[in-house]
Amino acid sequence: MTATELSDQLASAACARGHVDVLLVHDPSIGVEALDRGCASLQLSGHLHRRVGPVKVGLGVQYVSASTAG
């Protein structure tokens, strides 16, 4: 499955529930479609090993944590 297909599938699942308050995903690109569609308010993720955001993406907010280390 491609990243685009996975992003679409995740967004469709979030939208089918009506709305998701917090979307947790490892790769931030996978959650963007759910934010764009307005099916999630907040996406928390990692993967990039650098902090990004919080930034407004679509109808939600994306925050990428730099690390899970203390």
N, C-alpha and C. Protein backbone atom coordinates (compact mmCIF):
# COMPACT_ATOMS: atom_id res chain seq x y z
N MET A 1 0.85 -1.17 0.00
CA MET A 1 0.00 0.00 0.00
C MET A 1 0.90 1.24 0.00
N THR A 2 0.58 2.20 -0.83
CA THR A 2 1.36 3.44 -0.90
C THR A 2 0.97 4.38 0.24
N ALA A 3 1.81 5.38 0.49
CA ALA A 3 1.51 6.37 1.52
C ALA A 3 0.22 7.13 1.19
N THR A 4 -0.01 7.42 -0.08
CA THR A 4 -1.22 8.11 -0.51
C THR A 4 -2.46 7.27 -0.23
N GLU A 5 -2.37 5.98 -0.53
CA GLU A 5 -3.49 5.08 -0.27
C GLU A 5 -3.76 4.95 1.23
N LEU A 6 -2.69 4.85 2.01
CA LEU A 6 -2.83 4.73 3.46
C LEU A 6 -3.44 6.00 4.05
N SER A 7 -3.01 7.16 3.56
CA SER A 7 -3.55 8.44 4.01
C SER A 7 -5.04 8.55 3.70
N ASP A 8 -5.43 8.13 2.51
CA ASP A 8 -6.84 8.16 2.11
C ASP A 8 -7.66 7.19 2.95
N GLN A 9 -7.12 6.01 3.21
CA GLN A 9 -7.83 5.01 4.01
C GLN A 9 -8.02 5.50 5.45
N LEU A 10 -6.99 6.11 6.03
CA LEU A 10 -7.08 6.64 7.38
C LEU A 10 -8.09 7.78 7.45
N ALA A 11 -8.06 8.67 6.47
CA ALA A 11 -9.02 9.78 6.44
C ALA A 11 -10.44 9.25 6.30
N SER A 12 -10.64 8.27 5.46
CA SER A 12 -11.98 7.69 5.30
C SER A 12 -12.48 7.06 6.59
N ALA A 13 -11.58 6.39 7.32
CA ALA A 13 -11.97 5.78 8.60
C ALA A 13 -12.32 6.86 9.62
N ALA A 14 -11.54 7.92 9.68
CA ALA A 14 -11.83 9.02 10.61
C ALA A 14 -13.16 9.69 10.26
N CYS A 15 -13.38 9.92 8.99
CA CYS A 15 -14.63 10.56 8.54
C CYS A 15 -15.83 9.66 8.79
N ALA A 16 -15.65 8.35 8.66
CA ALA A 16 -16.75 7.41 8.90
C ALA A 16 -17.21 7.46 10.35
N ARG A 17 -16.30 7.81 11.26
CA ARG A 17 -16.64 7.96 12.68
C ARG A 17 -17.28 9.31 12.97
N GLY A 18 -17.30 10.18 11.97
CA GLY A 18 -17.85 11.52 12.14
C GLY A 18 -16.78 12.54 12.43
N HIS A 19 -15.89 12.23 13.38
CA HIS A 19 -14.81 13.14 13.73
C HIS A 19 -13.91 12.46 14.74
N VAL A 20 -12.61 12.72 14.65
CA VAL A 20 -11.63 12.21 15.59
C VAL A 20 -10.96 13.42 16.24
N ASP A 21 -10.94 13.46 17.57
CA ASP A 21 -10.32 14.59 18.26
C ASP A 21 -8.80 14.60 18.09
N VAL A 22 -8.16 13.44 18.34
CA VAL A 22 -6.70 13.34 18.25
C VAL A 22 -6.34 12.14 17.39
N LEU A 23 -5.55 12.40 16.37
CA LEU A 23 -5.09 11.36 15.46
C LEU A 23 -3.60 11.14 15.72
N LEU A 24 -3.22 9.94 16.13
CA LEU A 24 -1.82 9.60 16.39
C LEU A 24 -1.30 8.75 15.25
N VAL A 25 -0.28 9.25 14.56
CA VAL A 25 0.33 8.51 13.46
C VAL A 25 1.85 8.69 13.53
N HIS A 26 2.58 7.70 13.08
CA HIS A 26 4.04 7.79 13.11
C HIS A 26 4.54 8.77 12.05
N ASP A 27 4.10 8.60 10.83
CA ASP A 27 4.54 9.44 9.70
C ASP A 27 3.55 10.59 9.51
N PRO A 28 3.95 11.84 9.70
CA PRO A 28 3.01 12.96 9.63
C PRO A 28 2.28 13.09 8.30
N SER A 29 2.89 12.65 7.21
CA SER A 29 2.24 12.79 5.90
C SER A 29 0.98 11.92 5.80
N ILE A 30 0.92 10.86 6.59
CA ILE A 30 -0.22 9.94 6.53
C ILE A 30 -1.49 10.57 7.10
N GLY A 31 -1.37 11.50 8.02
CA GLY A 31 -2.54 12.10 8.66
C GLY A 31 -3.06 13.37 8.02
N VAL A 32 -2.35 13.91 7.04
CA VAL A 32 -2.73 15.20 6.45
C VAL A 32 -4.11 15.16 5.80
N GLU A 33 -4.44 14.10 5.12
CA GLU A 33 -5.74 14.00 4.43
C GLU A 33 -6.90 14.09 5.41
N ALA A 34 -6.77 13.46 6.57
CA ALA A 34 -7.82 13.53 7.59
C ALA A 34 -7.99 14.96 8.09
N LEU A 35 -6.88 15.68 8.25
CA LEU A 35 -6.96 17.09 8.65
C LEU A 35 -7.59 17.93 7.54
N ASP A 36 -7.17 17.69 6.31
CA ASP A 36 -7.71 18.44 5.17
C ASP A 36 -9.23 18.26 5.03
N ARG A 37 -9.69 17.05 5.27
CA ARG A 37 -11.12 16.77 5.15
C ARG A 37 -11.92 17.25 6.36
N GLY A 38 -11.24 17.66 7.42
CA GLY A 38 -11.93 18.12 8.63
C GLY A 38 -12.42 16.99 9.51
N CYS A 39 -11.84 15.81 9.36
CA CYS A 39 -12.27 14.64 10.12
C CYS A 39 -11.43 14.40 11.37
N ALA A 40 -10.42 15.24 11.59
CA ALA A 40 -9.60 15.18 12.79
C ALA A 40 -9.21 16.61 13.17
N SER A 41 -9.18 16.88 14.47
CA SER A 41 -8.82 18.22 14.93
C SER A 41 -7.33 18.38 15.14
N LEU A 42 -6.68 17.32 15.61
CA LEU A 42 -5.27 17.39 15.97
C LEU A 42 -4.56 16.12 15.55
N GLN A 43 -3.42 16.27 14.90
CA GLN A 43 -2.58 15.13 14.54
C GLN A 43 -1.27 15.25 15.30
N LEU A 44 -0.91 14.19 16.02
CA LEU A 44 0.37 14.11 16.72
C LEU A 44 1.18 13.01 16.07
N SER A 45 2.44 13.30 15.78
CA SER A 45 3.27 12.29 15.12
C SER A 45 4.74 12.53 15.41
N GLY A 46 5.57 11.71 14.84
CA GLY A 46 7.01 11.80 15.00
C GLY A 46 7.67 11.61 13.65
N HIS A 47 8.54 10.64 13.51
CA HIS A 47 9.15 10.18 12.27
C HIS A 47 10.22 11.11 11.71
N LEU A 48 10.05 12.41 11.78
CA LEU A 48 10.99 13.33 11.13
C LEU A 48 12.23 13.60 11.98
N HIS A 49 12.18 13.28 13.26
CA HIS A 49 13.28 13.51 14.19
C HIS A 49 13.63 15.00 14.33
N ARG A 50 12.64 15.83 14.09
CA ARG A 50 12.73 17.27 14.32
C ARG A 50 11.33 17.78 14.62
N ARG A 51 11.25 18.82 15.44
CA ARG A 51 9.94 19.35 15.81
C ARG A 51 9.40 20.21 14.67
N VAL A 52 8.12 20.03 14.40
CA VAL A 52 7.41 20.83 13.41
C VAL A 52 6.09 21.25 14.04
N GLY A 53 5.82 22.53 14.05
CA GLY A 53 4.54 23.01 14.51
C GLY A 53 4.51 23.32 15.99
N PRO A 54 3.31 23.49 16.45
CA PRO A 54 2.05 23.17 15.77
C PRO A 54 1.75 24.13 14.61
N VAL A 55 1.20 23.57 13.55
CA VAL A 55 0.82 24.34 12.36
C VAL A 55 -0.59 23.96 11.94
N LYS A 56 -1.29 24.91 11.38
CA LYS A 56 -2.63 24.65 10.85
C LYS A 56 -2.49 23.92 9.53
N VAL A 57 -3.18 22.79 9.41
CA VAL A 57 -3.20 22.00 8.18
C VAL A 57 -4.65 21.71 7.87
N GLY A 58 -5.12 22.18 6.74
CA GLY A 58 -6.53 21.97 6.40
C GLY A 58 -7.40 22.56 7.48
N LEU A 59 -8.25 21.73 8.05
CA LEU A 59 -9.17 22.18 9.09
C LEU A 59 -8.69 21.77 10.49
N GLY A 60 -7.44 21.31 10.59
CA GLY A 60 -6.92 20.86 11.88
C GLY A 60 -5.54 21.41 12.16
N VAL A 61 -4.89 20.84 13.17
CA VAL A 61 -3.57 21.26 13.60
C VAL A 61 -2.65 20.04 13.62
N GLN A 62 -1.43 20.22 13.12
CA GLN A 62 -0.45 19.15 13.09
C GLN A 62 0.73 19.53 13.97
N TYR A 63 1.19 18.57 14.79
CA TYR A 63 2.38 18.75 15.61
C TYR A 63 3.25 17.51 15.47
N VAL A 64 4.50 17.71 15.10
CA VAL A 64 5.46 16.61 14.95
C VAL A 64 6.48 16.76 16.05
N SER A 65 6.60 15.76 16.91
CA SER A 65 7.57 15.76 18.00
C SER A 65 8.94 15.36 17.48
N ALA A 66 9.97 15.98 18.02
CA ALA A 66 11.33 15.66 17.60
C ALA A 66 11.79 14.30 18.09
N SER A 67 11.30 13.89 19.27
CA SER A 67 11.81 12.67 19.86
C SER A 67 10.87 12.22 20.98
N THR A 68 10.94 10.95 21.31
CA THR A 68 10.23 10.45 22.47
C THR A 68 11.16 10.36 23.66
N ALA A 69 12.42 10.72 23.45
CA ALA A 69 13.41 10.67 24.52
C ALA A 69 13.20 11.82 25.50
N GLY A 70 13.67 11.66 26.70
CA GLY A 70 13.55 12.68 27.73
C GLY A 70 14.52 13.75 27.51
